[in-house]
Each structure stands twice: as structure tokens, then as C-alpha cells.
């Protein structure tokens, strides 16, 4: 199986590091992480991720507006990134229905707090990826 590459956008440095370590060492995925959404958007075309894991509530932004209008539209309008699935990671995951997630342009949501040992399988399940390492 080819190595999967995850683009991680998480504002909290400690959570970002836990996610990076978890996905790298438990799933064997390549993780490129950013604390800034704009910085990550600038790098997305060059990084060529297989999926994007995005903190749904970013400080100092209208997070859902940013996700839908900036992140999703920017990614979906770029030929290199338009097919890259986006997953939200948020402590408000239960607030979203599948229809709301689709309307935002994202494939699923993962709840915080998360179990680091189960996170790779949750992501693989939402994306339809094989769970083989």
C-alpha cells in the first residue's frame, strides 16, 4: 500500500503534535502539519495530500465560514486539490449531521477529545481506506 499523506491544520500546538505523532507512528502516514490555515492553503498544492484533517474551530476566525468559503472553495477550485477529502476534527462533532458536513464540503467529522489509538482507524473508515499499515 502506498504511503498516505495527511495535511493537518490544528491551531493548538500540543494537540497538533499529538495528532502528528499518532498518525505517523500508529498508522505509518506522512503528516504535514500547520497551525495557520492560510499557511496550509499555500502549501496544499505542493504537498499533494491524500486527505486534510482540519480543526473546525479556529481562533480569531469565523471558523465555519472560513472552512466553507476559503478552505473548501479554494481547494475545490484547484485542479490539484479538488478531489482531496477534508475531515473536521472538533469538540462539536456531534453538532453536525451528514447533510451539514456535505454542505460544508467535508467528508466527515471526528470528535475531540479523541482516542489516539483509535484515530487512524476512524480516519481510514471515514475515507474508505484500507487499515493495513
Protein backbone atom coordinates (compact mmCIF):
# COMPACT_ATOMS: atom_id res chain seq x y z
CA UNK A 1 0.00 0.00 0.00
CA UNK A 2 1.28 3.46 -0.86
CA UNK A 3 2.16 5.81 1.97
CA UNK A 4 -0.73 8.16 2.72
CA UNK A 5 -0.05 11.85 3.27
CA UNK A 6 -2.22 13.84 5.67
CA UNK A 7 -2.26 17.63 5.75
CA UNK A 8 -3.08 18.60 9.33
CA UNK A 9 -4.39 22.05 10.26
CA UNK A 10 -4.66 22.43 14.03
CA UNK A 11 -4.16 25.71 15.91
CA UNK A 12 -3.24 24.12 19.25
CA UNK A 13 0.44 23.19 19.12
CA UNK A 14 0.18 20.38 21.68
CA UNK A 15 -2.82 18.75 20.02
CA UNK A 16 -1.16 19.18 16.62
CA UNK A 17 1.91 17.31 17.89
CA UNK A 18 -0.17 14.50 19.43
CA UNK A 19 -2.08 14.12 16.16
CA UNK A 20 1.12 14.14 14.11
CA UNK A 21 2.79 11.50 16.29
CA UNK A 22 -0.33 9.34 16.42
CA UNK A 23 -0.89 9.35 12.66
CA UNK A 24 2.79 8.91 11.85
CA UNK A 25 3.66 6.15 14.29
CA UNK A 26 0.37 4.26 14.63
CA UNK A 27 -0.78 4.49 11.01
CA UNK A 28 2.54 5.00 9.25
CA UNK A 29 1.22 8.04 7.39
CA UNK A 30 3.25 11.05 6.35
CA UNK A 31 1.87 14.09 8.21
CA UNK A 32 2.47 17.68 7.21
CA UNK A 33 1.14 19.96 9.93
CA UNK A 34 0.33 23.65 10.18
CA UNK A 35 -1.06 25.91 12.86
CA UNK A 36 -2.22 28.54 10.40
CA UNK A 37 -4.99 27.84 7.88
CA UNK A 38 -3.61 30.33 5.35
CA UNK A 39 -0.11 28.86 5.57
CA UNK A 40 -1.56 25.41 4.97
CA UNK A 41 -3.58 26.55 1.96
CA UNK A 42 -0.44 27.99 0.42
CA UNK A 43 1.32 24.63 0.83
CA UNK A 44 -1.53 22.32 -0.14
CA UNK A 45 -0.85 22.22 -3.88
CA UNK A 46 2.81 21.38 -3.33
CA UNK A 47 2.18 18.88 -0.53
CA UNK A 48 -0.25 16.79 -2.60
CA UNK A 49 -2.06 15.31 0.43
CA UNK A 50 -4.34 12.29 0.28
CA UNK A 51 -6.57 13.91 2.92
CA UNK A 52 -6.86 17.03 5.03
CA UNK A 53 -7.62 16.93 8.75
CA UNK A 54 -8.86 20.37 9.76
CA UNK A 55 -9.59 21.80 13.19
CA UNK A 56 -13.18 23.01 12.81
CA UNK A 57 -12.97 25.88 15.25
CA UNK A 58 -10.01 28.14 14.68
CA UNK A 59 -9.34 31.14 16.90
CA UNK A 60 -9.82 34.66 15.54
CA UNK A 61 -11.89 33.47 12.58
CA UNK A 62 -15.49 32.71 11.74
CA UNK A 63 -14.40 29.09 11.60
CA UNK A 64 -17.26 27.51 9.68
CA UNK A 65 -17.36 30.44 7.27
CA UNK A 66 -13.61 30.14 6.79
CA UNK A 67 -13.83 26.40 6.27
CA UNK A 68 -16.56 26.65 3.68
CA UNK A 69 -15.64 29.84 1.86
CA UNK A 70 -11.88 29.82 2.00
CA UNK A 71 -10.61 26.31 2.60
CA UNK A 72 -13.15 24.21 0.76
CA UNK A 73 -13.76 26.60 -2.13
CA UNK A 74 -10.05 27.24 -2.59
CA UNK A 75 -9.27 23.53 -2.54
CA UNK A 76 -12.19 22.55 -4.76
CA UNK A 77 -11.33 25.22 -7.33
CA UNK A 78 -7.75 23.96 -7.68
CA UNK A 79 -7.33 21.08 -10.11
CA UNK A 80 -4.55 19.59 -7.96
CA UNK A 81 -6.61 19.52 -4.76
CA UNK A 82 -10.26 19.36 -5.81
CA UNK A 83 -10.57 15.66 -5.08
CA UNK A 84 -8.75 15.71 -1.72
CA UNK A 85 -11.19 14.74 1.05
CA UNK A 86 -11.46 17.01 4.07
CA UNK A 87 -12.24 15.79 7.59
CA UNK A 88 -13.03 18.07 10.50
CA UNK A 89 -11.72 17.43 13.98
CA UNK A 90 -13.72 19.23 16.65
CA UNK A 91 -15.20 19.02 20.10
CA UNK A 92 -18.53 19.86 18.44
CA UNK A 93 -18.55 16.91 16.02
CA UNK A 94 -21.94 15.76 17.28
CA UNK A 95 -23.45 19.10 16.22
CA UNK A 96 -23.13 18.17 12.54
CA UNK A 97 -25.38 15.93 10.52
CA UNK A 98 -24.03 14.13 7.47
CA UNK A 99 -26.01 16.56 5.30
CA UNK A 100 -24.47 19.59 7.02
CA UNK A 101 -21.00 18.17 6.56
CA UNK A 102 -21.64 17.58 2.86
CA UNK A 103 -22.97 21.14 2.51
CA UNK A 104 -19.73 22.40 4.05
CA UNK A 105 -17.81 20.31 1.52
CA UNK A 106 -16.26 17.93 4.05
CA UNK A 107 -16.42 14.17 4.21
CA UNK A 108 -16.76 13.65 7.94
CA UNK A 109 -16.06 14.85 11.47
CA UNK A 110 -14.03 13.34 14.28
CA UNK A 111 -14.78 14.24 17.87
CA UNK A 112 -12.37 15.80 20.32
CA UNK A 113 -11.27 14.55 22.69
CA UNK A 114 -10.14 11.63 20.57
CA UNK A 115 -8.54 8.34 21.44
CA UNK A 116 -5.11 8.46 19.76
CA UNK A 117 -5.06 4.68 19.39
CA UNK A 118 -8.37 4.68 17.50
CA UNK A 119 -7.84 7.82 15.43
CA UNK A 120 -6.13 6.18 12.43
CA UNK A 121 -8.94 3.63 12.09
CA UNK A 122 -11.57 6.40 12.41
CA UNK A 123 -9.92 8.35 9.62
CA UNK A 124 -9.47 5.25 7.45
CA UNK A 125 -13.14 4.34 7.97
CA UNK A 126 -14.42 7.82 7.06
CA UNK A 127 -12.23 7.90 3.94
CA UNK A 128 -12.77 4.27 2.90
CA UNK A 129 -9.06 3.49 3.17
CA UNK A 130 -7.64 0.08 3.94
CA UNK A 131 -6.45 -0.07 7.54
CA UNK A 132 -3.35 -2.05 6.66
CA UNK A 133 -0.11 -0.36 7.66
